[in-house]
N, C-alpha and C. Protein backbone atom coordinates (compact mmCIF):
# COMPACT_ATOMS: atom_id res chain seq x y z
N MET A 1 3.08 54.03 13.26
CA MET A 1 3.81 53.12 14.25
C MET A 1 2.99 51.84 14.67
N ARG A 2 1.68 52.36 14.88
CA ARG A 2 0.83 51.35 15.61
C ARG A 2 0.80 50.13 14.39
N TYR A 3 0.49 50.75 12.96
CA TYR A 3 0.14 49.81 12.11
C TYR A 3 1.48 48.87 11.96
N SER A 4 2.49 49.34 11.96
CA SER A 4 3.91 48.88 11.69
C SER A 4 3.94 47.79 12.79
N LEU A 5 3.65 48.04 14.04
CA LEU A 5 3.88 47.10 15.26
C LEU A 5 2.62 45.75 14.87
N ARG A 6 1.60 46.32 14.60
CA ARG A 6 0.58 45.59 14.25
C ARG A 6 0.93 44.15 13.08
N LEU A 7 1.48 45.20 12.13
CA LEU A 7 1.65 44.09 10.93
C LEU A 7 2.89 43.13 11.39
N ARG A 8 3.94 43.60 11.77
CA ARG A 8 5.13 42.83 12.21
C ARG A 8 4.37 41.73 13.26
N VAL A 9 3.77 41.90 14.16
CA VAL A 9 2.99 40.92 15.14
C VAL A 9 2.34 39.88 14.46
N ALA A 10 1.39 40.56 13.46
CA ALA A 10 0.44 39.63 12.58
C ALA A 10 1.09 38.81 11.66
N VAL A 11 2.26 39.14 11.21
CA VAL A 11 3.15 38.53 10.39
C VAL A 11 3.82 37.29 10.99
N THR A 12 4.25 37.77 12.29
CA THR A 12 4.86 36.66 12.89
C THR A 12 3.87 35.45 13.66
N PHE A 13 2.73 35.84 13.87
CA PHE A 13 1.63 34.85 14.21
C PHE A 13 1.22 34.00 13.15
N VAL A 14 1.22 34.68 12.07
CA VAL A 14 0.79 33.56 10.67
C VAL A 14 1.69 33.00 10.38
N LEU A 15 3.18 33.16 10.38
CA LEU A 15 4.24 32.65 9.90
C LEU A 15 4.45 31.27 10.83
N LEU A 16 4.03 31.59 12.36
CA LEU A 16 4.48 30.60 13.14
C LEU A 16 3.11 29.60 13.05
N LEU A 17 2.01 29.91 12.79
CA LEU A 17 0.76 29.08 12.60
C LEU A 17 0.58 28.27 11.33
N VAL A 18 1.25 29.03 10.22
CA VAL A 18 1.57 28.40 8.93
C VAL A 18 2.40 27.19 9.08
N LEU A 19 3.55 27.46 9.70
CA LEU A 19 4.60 26.32 9.59
C LEU A 19 4.21 25.22 10.64
N MET A 20 3.42 25.66 11.81
CA MET A 20 2.90 24.74 12.68
C MET A 20 1.91 23.56 11.89
N LEU A 21 0.86 24.20 11.24
CA LEU A 21 -0.08 23.60 10.68
C LEU A 21 0.41 22.76 9.31
N GLY A 22 1.20 23.50 8.68
CA GLY A 22 2.06 22.68 7.41
C GLY A 22 2.74 21.33 7.98
N GLY A 23 3.57 21.55 8.98
CA GLY A 23 4.32 20.81 9.56
C GLY A 23 3.53 19.33 10.04
N MET A 24 2.06 19.68 10.39
CA MET A 24 1.38 18.65 11.24
C MET A 24 0.82 18.09 9.94
N GLY A 25 0.30 18.86 8.82
CA GLY A 25 -0.30 18.22 7.87
C GLY A 25 0.68 17.30 7.15
N LEU A 26 2.09 17.81 6.94
CA LEU A 26 3.09 16.79 6.32
C LEU A 26 3.20 15.52 7.17
N ILE A 27 3.13 15.28 8.37
CA ILE A 27 3.35 14.46 9.27
C ILE A 27 2.30 13.58 9.23
N LEU A 28 0.91 14.21 9.31
CA LEU A 28 -0.46 13.54 9.19
C LEU A 28 -0.58 12.55 7.88
N SER A 29 0.06 13.54 6.85
CA SER A 29 -0.16 12.70 5.51
C SER A 29 0.89 11.50 5.28
N GLU A 30 2.05 11.61 5.83
CA GLU A 30 2.97 10.54 5.75
C GLU A 30 2.37 9.47 6.74
N PHE A 31 2.16 9.72 7.89
CA PHE A 31 1.27 8.68 8.52
C PHE A 31 0.36 8.07 8.10
N ILE A 32 -0.84 8.63 7.54
CA ILE A 32 -1.98 8.00 7.02
C ILE A 32 -1.57 7.44 5.53
N SER A 33 -0.67 7.58 4.73
CA SER A 33 0.11 7.15 3.79
C SER A 33 0.63 5.61 4.16
N ASN A 34 1.38 5.73 5.12
CA ASN A 34 2.15 4.43 5.64
C ASN A 34 0.88 3.43 6.13
N GLN A 35 -0.02 3.99 6.68
CA GLN A 35 -1.46 3.34 7.24
C GLN A 35 -2.25 2.39 6.05
N ILE A 36 -2.19 3.26 5.14
CA ILE A 36 -2.91 2.63 4.01
C ILE A 36 -2.12 1.55 3.34
N ILE A 37 -0.81 1.88 3.05
CA ILE A 37 -0.21 0.84 2.37
C ILE A 37 -0.16 -0.43 3.59
N GLU A 38 0.11 -0.24 4.58
CA GLU A 38 0.17 -1.33 5.81
C GLU A 38 -1.28 -2.01 5.60
N THR A 39 -2.46 -1.42 5.65
CA THR A 39 -3.77 -1.89 5.86
C THR A 39 -3.80 -2.64 4.19
N THR A 40 -3.49 -2.13 3.40
CA THR A 40 -3.53 -2.95 1.86
C THR A 40 -2.77 -4.22 2.23
N ARG A 41 -1.36 -4.13 2.42
CA ARG A 41 -0.60 -5.36 2.78
C ARG A 41 -1.25 -6.36 3.51
N SER A 42 -1.52 -6.01 4.90
CA SER A 42 -2.27 -6.91 5.81
C SER A 42 -3.46 -7.54 5.15
N GLN A 43 -4.05 -7.00 4.10
CA GLN A 43 -5.75 -7.31 3.42
C GLN A 43 -5.17 -8.48 2.59
N LEU A 44 -4.10 -8.25 1.75
CA LEU A 44 -3.52 -8.95 0.95
C LEU A 44 -3.04 -10.03 1.55
N LEU A 45 -2.37 -10.09 2.36
CA LEU A 45 -1.96 -11.19 3.27
C LEU A 45 -3.01 -12.33 3.86
N ALA A 46 -3.98 -11.65 4.26
CA ALA A 46 -5.19 -12.23 4.72
C ALA A 46 -6.00 -13.11 3.64
N GLU A 47 -5.86 -12.44 2.46
CA GLU A 47 -6.72 -13.29 1.63
C GLU A 47 -5.74 -14.44 0.92
N ASN A 48 -4.40 -13.91 0.78
CA ASN A 48 -3.47 -15.04 0.30
C ASN A 48 -3.26 -16.20 1.05
N ARG A 49 -3.34 -15.96 2.57
CA ARG A 49 -3.63 -17.36 3.34
C ARG A 49 -4.81 -18.04 3.02
N LEU A 50 -5.90 -17.36 2.82
CA LEU A 50 -6.88 -18.24 2.18
C LEU A 50 -6.92 -18.87 1.18
N VAL A 51 -6.33 -18.43 0.10
CA VAL A 51 -6.37 -18.94 -1.05
C VAL A 51 -5.18 -20.13 -1.06
N ALA A 52 -4.03 -19.70 -0.15
CA ALA A 52 -3.04 -20.88 -0.12
C ALA A 52 -3.61 -22.21 0.47
N SER A 53 -4.53 -22.18 1.57
CA SER A 53 -5.29 -23.28 2.29
C SER A 53 -6.33 -23.97 1.21
N GLU A 54 -6.99 -22.91 0.48
CA GLU A 54 -7.89 -23.68 -0.24
C GLU A 54 -6.87 -24.57 -1.63
N VAL A 55 -6.08 -23.97 -1.84
CA VAL A 55 -5.35 -24.39 -3.20
C VAL A 55 -4.35 -25.86 -2.48
N ALA A 56 -3.96 -25.93 -1.43
CA ALA A 56 -3.24 -26.72 -0.95
C ALA A 56 -4.13 -28.39 -1.14
N GLU A 57 -5.30 -28.30 -0.90
CA GLU A 57 -6.19 -29.41 -0.86
C GLU A 57 -6.10 -29.82 -2.43
N THR A 58 -5.97 -29.29 -3.38
CA THR A 58 -5.96 -29.72 -4.67
C THR A 58 -4.47 -29.72 -5.57
N TRP A 59 -3.45 -29.25 -4.79
CA TRP A 59 -1.99 -28.88 -5.15
C TRP A 59 -1.56 -30.37 -6.05
N GLN A 60 -1.93 -31.41 -5.56
CA GLN A 60 -1.24 -32.51 -6.41
C GLN A 60 -2.40 -33.34 -6.87
N ALA A 61 -3.43 -32.70 -7.20
CA ALA A 61 -4.64 -33.46 -7.97
C ALA A 61 -4.22 -33.62 -9.30
N GLN A 62 -5.02 -34.51 -9.80
CA GLN A 62 -4.79 -34.48 -11.32
C GLN A 62 -5.52 -33.19 -12.20
N GLY A 63 -4.83 -32.85 -13.03
CA GLY A 63 -4.97 -31.37 -13.78
C GLY A 63 -3.89 -30.59 -14.01
N GLY A 64 -3.08 -30.61 -12.76
CA GLY A 64 -1.66 -29.97 -13.02
C GLY A 64 -2.01 -28.49 -13.37
N ARG A 65 -0.86 -27.99 -14.14
CA ARG A 65 -0.96 -26.43 -14.46
C ARG A 65 -2.23 -26.19 -15.11
N GLU A 66 -3.08 -26.91 -15.73
CA GLU A 66 -4.17 -26.44 -16.01
C GLU A 66 -5.29 -26.06 -14.95
N LEU A 67 -5.20 -26.98 -13.84
CA LEU A 67 -6.14 -26.90 -13.16
C LEU A 67 -5.75 -25.58 -11.96
N LEU A 68 -4.41 -25.46 -12.13
CA LEU A 68 -3.75 -24.41 -11.15
C LEU A 68 -4.04 -23.12 -11.96
N ASN A 69 -3.99 -23.02 -13.08
CA ASN A 69 -4.42 -21.74 -13.98
C ASN A 69 -5.81 -21.22 -13.53
N GLN A 70 -6.82 -22.33 -13.71
CA GLN A 70 -8.03 -22.11 -13.47
C GLN A 70 -8.65 -21.66 -11.88
N LEU A 71 -7.75 -22.12 -10.98
CA LEU A 71 -7.94 -21.71 -9.52
C LEU A 71 -7.29 -20.06 -9.31
N ALA A 72 -6.24 -20.01 -10.06
CA ALA A 72 -5.56 -18.66 -10.06
C ALA A 72 -6.65 -17.50 -10.84
N ASN A 73 -7.18 -18.00 -11.71
CA ASN A 73 -8.05 -16.98 -12.55
C ASN A 73 -9.51 -16.75 -11.52
N LYS A 74 -9.71 -17.83 -10.76
CA LYS A 74 -11.14 -17.87 -9.98
C LYS A 74 -10.66 -17.00 -8.71
N TYR A 75 -9.41 -17.21 -8.07
CA TYR A 75 -9.08 -16.35 -6.89
C TYR A 75 -8.85 -14.96 -7.27
N ALA A 76 -8.21 -14.63 -8.65
CA ALA A 76 -7.93 -13.35 -9.00
C ALA A 76 -9.46 -12.50 -9.39
N ALA A 77 -10.44 -13.16 -9.71
CA ALA A 77 -11.50 -12.53 -9.88
C ALA A 77 -12.29 -12.19 -8.47
N ILE A 78 -12.13 -12.89 -7.55
CA ILE A 78 -12.59 -12.68 -6.35
C ILE A 78 -11.83 -11.62 -5.58
N PHE A 79 -10.67 -11.56 -5.49
CA PHE A 79 -9.79 -10.66 -4.66
C PHE A 79 -9.25 -9.50 -5.58
N LYS A 80 -9.70 -9.22 -6.53
CA LYS A 80 -9.41 -8.28 -7.45
C LYS A 80 -7.56 -8.05 -7.58
N ALA A 81 -6.95 -9.31 -7.59
CA ALA A 81 -5.20 -9.17 -7.52
C ALA A 81 -4.81 -10.05 -8.57
N ARG A 82 -3.59 -10.25 -9.06
CA ARG A 82 -2.85 -11.06 -9.76
C ARG A 82 -2.36 -12.24 -8.78
N VAL A 83 -2.64 -13.43 -9.46
CA VAL A 83 -2.62 -14.63 -8.33
C VAL A 83 -1.40 -15.49 -9.46
N THR A 84 -0.50 -15.77 -8.56
CA THR A 84 0.51 -16.59 -9.10
C THR A 84 0.76 -17.82 -8.41
N PHE A 85 0.91 -18.96 -8.55
CA PHE A 85 1.40 -20.42 -7.78
C PHE A 85 2.68 -20.70 -8.44
N ILE A 86 3.54 -20.93 -7.42
CA ILE A 86 4.97 -21.42 -7.73
C ILE A 86 5.24 -22.49 -6.78
N ASP A 87 6.13 -23.41 -7.57
CA ASP A 87 6.59 -24.95 -7.17
C ASP A 87 7.93 -24.71 -6.25
N LEU A 88 8.27 -25.71 -5.69
CA LEU A 88 9.38 -25.62 -4.89
C LEU A 88 10.70 -25.11 -5.71
N GLN A 89 10.75 -25.47 -6.94
CA GLN A 89 11.82 -24.97 -8.05
C GLN A 89 11.79 -23.66 -8.43
N GLY A 90 10.91 -22.94 -8.05
CA GLY A 90 10.57 -21.62 -8.45
C GLY A 90 9.70 -21.65 -9.94
N THR A 91 9.30 -22.49 -10.28
CA THR A 91 8.52 -22.63 -11.43
C THR A 91 7.33 -22.24 -11.33
N VAL A 92 6.58 -21.21 -12.12
CA VAL A 92 5.64 -20.87 -12.10
C VAL A 92 4.49 -21.77 -12.65
N VAL A 93 3.53 -22.46 -11.64
CA VAL A 93 2.56 -23.51 -12.27
C VAL A 93 1.15 -23.31 -12.59
N GLY A 94 0.92 -21.71 -11.91
CA GLY A 94 -0.36 -21.38 -12.18
C GLY A 94 -0.11 -19.81 -12.18
N GLU A 95 -1.03 -19.23 -13.09
CA GLU A 95 -1.10 -17.80 -12.86
C GLU A 95 -2.39 -17.26 -13.70
N SER A 96 -2.81 -16.02 -13.06
CA SER A 96 -3.91 -15.49 -13.63
C SER A 96 -4.12 -14.43 -14.99
N GLN A 97 -2.69 -14.08 -15.13
CA GLN A 97 -2.80 -12.88 -16.23
C GLN A 97 -1.98 -13.30 -17.40
N TYR A 98 -0.95 -14.16 -17.27
CA TYR A 98 -0.26 -14.81 -18.39
C TYR A 98 -0.09 -16.39 -18.46
N ASP A 99 0.35 -16.69 -19.59
CA ASP A 99 0.59 -18.03 -19.76
C ASP A 99 1.73 -18.64 -18.69
N SER A 100 1.23 -19.37 -17.86
CA SER A 100 2.35 -19.78 -16.59
C SER A 100 3.38 -20.64 -17.65
N ALA A 101 3.29 -21.46 -18.29
CA ALA A 101 4.07 -22.12 -18.98
C ALA A 101 5.28 -21.19 -19.73
N LEU A 102 5.08 -20.05 -20.11
CA LEU A 102 5.98 -19.00 -20.64
C LEU A 102 6.74 -18.33 -19.68
N MET A 103 6.37 -18.14 -18.56
CA MET A 103 7.00 -17.52 -17.54
C MET A 103 8.53 -17.97 -16.83
N GLU A 104 9.33 -16.80 -16.81
CA GLU A 104 10.69 -17.40 -16.06
C GLU A 104 10.56 -17.85 -14.64
N PRO A 105 11.32 -18.29 -14.32
CA PRO A 105 11.31 -18.81 -13.09
C PRO A 105 11.48 -17.98 -12.03
N HIS A 106 10.61 -17.95 -10.93
CA HIS A 106 10.45 -16.94 -9.69
C HIS A 106 11.44 -17.26 -8.30
N ASP A 107 12.20 -17.96 -8.71
CA ASP A 107 13.04 -18.75 -7.38
C ASP A 107 13.81 -17.45 -6.65
N ASN A 108 14.09 -16.48 -7.47
CA ASN A 108 14.76 -15.28 -6.89
C ASN A 108 14.05 -14.27 -6.46
N ARG A 109 12.66 -14.33 -6.24
CA ARG A 109 11.96 -12.91 -6.00
C ARG A 109 11.96 -13.19 -4.37
N PRO A 110 12.27 -11.89 -3.72
CA PRO A 110 12.39 -12.07 -2.16
C PRO A 110 11.47 -12.44 -1.42
N GLU A 111 10.09 -12.28 -1.97
CA GLU A 111 9.16 -12.67 -1.05
C GLU A 111 8.62 -14.04 -1.44
N VAL A 112 9.11 -14.65 -2.62
CA VAL A 112 9.01 -15.93 -2.70
C VAL A 112 9.91 -17.02 -2.05
N LEU A 113 10.99 -16.34 -2.11
CA LEU A 113 12.25 -17.06 -1.14
C LEU A 113 11.77 -17.08 0.42
N LYS A 114 11.25 -15.96 0.82
CA LYS A 114 10.37 -15.95 2.27
C LYS A 114 9.68 -17.11 2.45
N ALA A 115 8.65 -17.27 1.45
CA ALA A 115 7.64 -18.12 1.67
C ALA A 115 8.29 -19.52 1.42
N LEU A 116 9.10 -19.73 0.66
CA LEU A 116 9.73 -21.32 0.19
C LEU A 116 10.38 -21.71 1.87
N ALA A 117 10.93 -20.63 2.38
CA ALA A 117 11.39 -21.08 3.73
C ALA A 117 10.18 -21.33 4.68
N GLY A 118 9.34 -20.95 4.46
CA GLY A 118 8.04 -21.32 5.45
C GLY A 118 7.35 -20.00 6.18
N GLY A 119 8.11 -18.69 5.76
CA GLY A 119 7.48 -17.57 6.29
C GLY A 119 6.47 -16.78 5.17
N GLU A 120 6.20 -15.61 5.71
CA GLU A 120 5.46 -14.80 4.93
C GLU A 120 6.15 -13.60 4.23
N GLY A 121 6.20 -13.37 2.84
CA GLY A 121 6.93 -12.09 2.16
C GLY A 121 6.07 -11.22 1.79
N SER A 122 6.89 -10.13 1.67
CA SER A 122 5.96 -9.19 1.08
C SER A 122 7.09 -7.97 0.52
N GLU A 123 6.62 -7.26 -0.59
CA GLU A 123 7.81 -6.50 -1.31
C GLU A 123 6.96 -5.66 -1.97
N ILE A 124 7.29 -4.27 -2.22
CA ILE A 124 6.65 -3.28 -3.26
C ILE A 124 8.07 -3.02 -4.07
N ARG A 125 8.02 -3.32 -5.62
CA ARG A 125 8.75 -3.09 -6.49
C ARG A 125 8.41 -3.08 -7.68
N TYR A 126 9.27 -2.49 -8.89
CA TYR A 126 8.67 -2.33 -9.97
C TYR A 126 8.48 -3.90 -10.65
N SER A 127 7.45 -4.31 -11.40
CA SER A 127 7.27 -5.41 -12.32
C SER A 127 7.77 -5.28 -13.65
N GLN A 128 8.72 -6.10 -13.97
CA GLN A 128 9.40 -5.90 -15.65
C GLN A 128 8.18 -6.69 -16.46
N THR A 129 7.71 -7.54 -15.80
CA THR A 129 6.24 -8.14 -16.66
C THR A 129 5.06 -6.96 -17.06
N LEU A 130 4.65 -6.52 -15.95
CA LEU A 130 3.74 -5.49 -16.22
C LEU A 130 3.85 -4.11 -16.19
N LYS A 131 5.27 -3.82 -15.93
CA LYS A 131 5.70 -2.35 -16.42
C LYS A 131 5.14 -1.33 -15.45
N GLN A 132 5.14 -1.99 -14.03
CA GLN A 132 4.54 -0.83 -13.13
C GLN A 132 4.77 -1.48 -11.82
N ASN A 133 4.69 -0.34 -10.80
CA ASN A 133 5.10 -0.69 -9.14
C ASN A 133 3.77 -1.85 -8.81
N MET A 134 4.23 -2.56 -8.14
CA MET A 134 3.28 -3.65 -7.60
C MET A 134 3.81 -3.98 -6.25
N MET A 135 2.73 -4.23 -5.44
CA MET A 135 2.85 -4.74 -4.11
C MET A 135 2.59 -6.51 -4.21
N TYR A 136 3.51 -7.07 -3.72
CA TYR A 136 3.66 -8.65 -3.64
C TYR A 136 3.44 -8.91 -2.24
N VAL A 137 2.71 -10.29 -2.04
CA VAL A 137 2.69 -10.84 -0.85
C VAL A 137 2.60 -12.42 -1.22
N ALA A 138 3.58 -13.20 -0.42
CA ALA A 138 3.55 -14.62 -0.72
C ALA A 138 3.32 -15.22 0.32
N VAL A 139 2.87 -16.59 0.29
CA VAL A 139 2.69 -17.33 1.66
C VAL A 139 2.76 -18.89 1.11
N PRO A 140 3.35 -19.57 1.99
CA PRO A 140 3.77 -21.20 1.79
C PRO A 140 2.31 -21.96 1.49
N ILE A 141 2.28 -22.62 0.59
CA ILE A 141 1.06 -23.69 0.45
C ILE A 141 1.79 -25.01 1.02
N GLN A 142 1.13 -25.23 2.24
CA GLN A 142 1.53 -26.73 2.91
C GLN A 142 0.78 -27.75 2.90
N LEU A 143 1.25 -29.04 3.22
CA LEU A 143 0.35 -30.13 2.98
C LEU A 143 1.17 -30.78 4.11
N SER A 144 0.15 -31.39 5.28
CA SER A 144 0.77 -31.99 6.38
C SER A 144 2.02 -31.10 6.93
N GLY A 145 1.89 -29.91 6.90
CA GLY A 145 2.83 -29.26 7.87
C GLY A 145 4.13 -29.02 6.87
N LYS A 146 4.30 -29.39 5.72
CA LYS A 146 5.29 -29.45 4.80
C LYS A 146 4.72 -28.38 3.52
N VAL A 147 6.21 -27.55 3.49
CA VAL A 147 6.05 -26.64 2.40
C VAL A 147 6.05 -27.24 0.93
N VAL A 148 4.80 -27.12 -0.01
CA VAL A 148 4.80 -27.77 -1.29
C VAL A 148 4.93 -26.79 -2.29
N GLY A 149 4.71 -25.62 -1.83
CA GLY A 149 4.80 -24.37 -3.07
C GLY A 149 4.42 -23.21 -2.42
N VAL A 150 4.39 -22.11 -3.38
CA VAL A 150 3.96 -20.56 -3.00
C VAL A 150 2.77 -20.34 -3.59
N SER A 151 1.91 -19.45 -2.78
CA SER A 151 0.81 -18.70 -3.32
C SER A 151 1.19 -17.03 -3.38
N ARG A 152 1.19 -16.48 -4.16
CA ARG A 152 1.58 -15.06 -4.23
C ARG A 152 0.24 -14.30 -4.95
N LEU A 153 -0.04 -13.10 -4.16
CA LEU A 153 -1.02 -12.27 -4.84
C LEU A 153 -0.10 -10.97 -4.87
N SER A 154 -0.51 -10.13 -6.08
CA SER A 154 0.07 -9.09 -6.11
C SER A 154 -1.20 -7.96 -6.64
N LEU A 155 -0.95 -6.75 -6.33
CA LEU A 155 -1.76 -5.57 -6.60
C LEU A 155 -0.82 -4.34 -7.00
N SER A 156 -1.58 -3.65 -8.09
CA SER A 156 -1.06 -2.47 -8.53
C SER A 156 -0.88 -1.38 -7.74
N MET A 157 0.33 -0.96 -7.62
CA MET A 157 0.33 0.03 -6.61
C MET A 157 -0.46 1.58 -7.24
N SER A 158 -1.05 1.42 -8.47
CA SER A 158 -1.72 2.62 -8.97
C SER A 158 -3.14 2.49 -8.17
N ALA A 159 -3.69 1.28 -7.88
CA ALA A 159 -4.99 1.14 -7.13
C ALA A 159 -4.84 1.70 -5.71
N VAL A 160 -3.54 1.44 -5.11
CA VAL A 160 -3.47 1.97 -3.79
C VAL A 160 -2.90 3.56 -3.78
N GLN A 161 -2.56 3.87 -4.81
CA GLN A 161 -2.20 5.49 -5.21
C GLN A 161 -3.64 6.22 -5.13
N SER A 162 -4.63 5.61 -5.75
CA SER A 162 -5.72 6.35 -5.69
C SER A 162 -6.21 6.76 -4.42
N HIS A 163 -6.10 5.81 -3.37
CA HIS A 163 -6.69 5.78 -2.02
C HIS A 163 -5.56 6.96 -1.36
N LEU A 164 -4.21 6.90 -1.59
CA LEU A 164 -3.40 7.62 -1.09
C LEU A 164 -3.64 9.05 -1.34
N THR A 165 -4.06 9.17 -2.78
CA THR A 165 -4.10 10.39 -3.32
C THR A 165 -5.53 11.20 -2.69
N SER A 166 -6.44 10.67 -2.66
CA SER A 166 -7.81 10.93 -1.99
C SER A 166 -7.55 11.38 -0.58
N ALA A 167 -6.50 10.66 0.41
CA ALA A 167 -6.45 10.98 1.75
C ALA A 167 -5.63 12.30 1.64
N GLN A 168 -4.54 12.27 0.89
CA GLN A 168 -3.78 13.56 0.76
C GLN A 168 -4.52 14.73 0.27
N ASN A 169 -5.19 14.58 -0.68
CA ASN A 169 -6.14 16.06 -1.10
C ASN A 169 -7.28 16.26 0.18
N THR A 170 -7.63 15.30 0.92
CA THR A 170 -8.44 15.80 2.07
C THR A 170 -7.81 16.27 3.19
N ILE A 171 -6.43 15.89 3.35
CA ILE A 171 -5.44 16.38 4.55
C ILE A 171 -4.99 17.87 4.05
N LEU A 172 -4.68 18.06 2.68
CA LEU A 172 -4.49 19.39 2.11
C LEU A 172 -5.58 20.32 2.38
N LEU A 173 -6.67 19.95 2.22
CA LEU A 173 -8.01 20.78 2.24
C LEU A 173 -7.96 21.45 3.62
N VAL A 174 -8.09 20.19 4.50
CA VAL A 174 -8.21 20.45 6.16
C VAL A 174 -7.19 21.53 6.49
N THR A 175 -5.69 21.04 6.04
CA THR A 175 -4.50 22.04 6.14
C THR A 175 -4.61 23.36 5.94
N LEU A 176 -5.22 23.74 4.67
CA LEU A 176 -5.47 25.00 4.07
C LEU A 176 -6.69 25.78 4.66
N ALA A 177 -7.77 24.99 5.02
CA ALA A 177 -8.92 25.57 6.14
C ALA A 177 -8.29 25.94 7.31
N GLY A 178 -7.51 25.30 8.07
CA GLY A 178 -6.86 25.45 9.22
C GLY A 178 -5.97 26.84 9.11
N ILE A 179 -5.29 26.96 7.78
CA ILE A 179 -4.12 27.98 7.83
C ILE A 179 -4.94 29.41 7.63
N PHE A 180 -6.10 29.22 7.00
CA PHE A 180 -7.03 30.39 6.70
C PHE A 180 -7.83 30.86 8.00
N LEU A 181 -8.12 29.86 8.73
CA LEU A 181 -8.62 30.18 10.05
C LEU A 181 -7.45 30.88 10.87
N ALA A 182 -6.35 30.17 11.01
CA ALA A 182 -5.48 30.73 11.55
C ALA A 182 -4.85 32.35 11.33
N ILE A 183 -4.91 32.44 9.98
CA ILE A 183 -4.62 33.92 9.47
C ILE A 183 -5.71 34.78 9.98
N VAL A 184 -6.86 34.52 10.08
CA VAL A 184 -8.05 35.20 10.56
C VAL A 184 -7.86 35.54 11.92
N LEU A 185 -7.49 34.44 12.81
CA LEU A 185 -7.41 34.58 13.94
C LEU A 185 -6.35 35.32 14.52
N ALA A 186 -5.31 35.37 13.62
CA ALA A 186 -3.62 36.01 14.08
C ALA A 186 -4.10 37.43 13.78
N ILE A 187 -4.83 37.96 12.70
CA ILE A 187 -5.26 39.27 12.52
C ILE A 187 -6.10 39.70 13.70
N LEU A 188 -7.17 39.18 14.17
CA LEU A 188 -7.96 39.45 15.31
C LEU A 188 -7.26 39.75 16.60
N LEU A 189 -6.21 38.63 16.93
CA LEU A 189 -5.63 38.77 18.24
C LEU A 189 -4.71 39.89 18.15
N THR A 190 -4.19 40.23 17.03
CA THR A 190 -3.00 41.19 16.77
C THR A 190 -3.56 42.61 17.12
N ASP A 191 -4.83 42.50 16.24
CA ASP A 191 -5.50 43.87 16.60
C ASP A 191 -5.94 44.03 18.05
N ARG A 192 -6.48 43.31 18.76
CA ARG A 192 -6.83 43.31 19.98
C ARG A 192 -5.53 43.56 20.99
N THR A 193 -4.44 42.80 20.65
CA THR A 193 -3.20 42.95 21.56
C THR A 193 -2.55 44.04 21.28
N THR A 194 -2.36 44.82 20.10
CA THR A 194 -1.58 45.95 19.89
C THR A 194 -2.57 47.39 20.08
N ARG A 195 -3.77 47.01 20.27
CA ARG A 195 -4.53 48.26 20.32
C ARG A 195 -4.19 49.06 21.49
N PRO A 196 -4.18 48.54 22.82
CA PRO A 196 -3.47 49.59 23.83
C PRO A 196 -2.42 50.08 23.63
N LEU A 197 -1.43 49.74 22.64
CA LEU A 197 -0.20 50.00 22.20
C LEU A 197 -0.08 51.47 21.44
């Protein structure tokens, strides 16, 4: 009888603690995943603002597409991201990974449309060109307060996913350790609580 009562109380304690810690682990994992994505987006936007301000000075210089391709490659190497420059008609005029002259117009991309309107756009979506999920951020290139083009940086979500996986694995280990300690404490508390009975 005493062991039956002890077992029922212990199982109840363990289930409650496992549910509580498991739920907290899931909430924390979701929160940290969102924070990592937002931090990556903010960093990419900050880098892209710098690129746009630097490119604005040479946007209308002699050299055209060749010069913009060189600048795209330069900033891609610095920021470890794909760099694309787009004119007001949506034509790709500079690109770090592909021949910009062969690329289709980008005037229908949501982030590009926002940048052409003078704002900043960001999207996470599947890239038909690269065949993988990408994070895109686009900012306007401005001369004398007027939008003359768009600078877009993009980053593979697989790079972001490695950070997410690392954070989630850490949370999982901490949660499992917490559950183990909770089970031990539940058994000890149950023994102490039911002993007088």
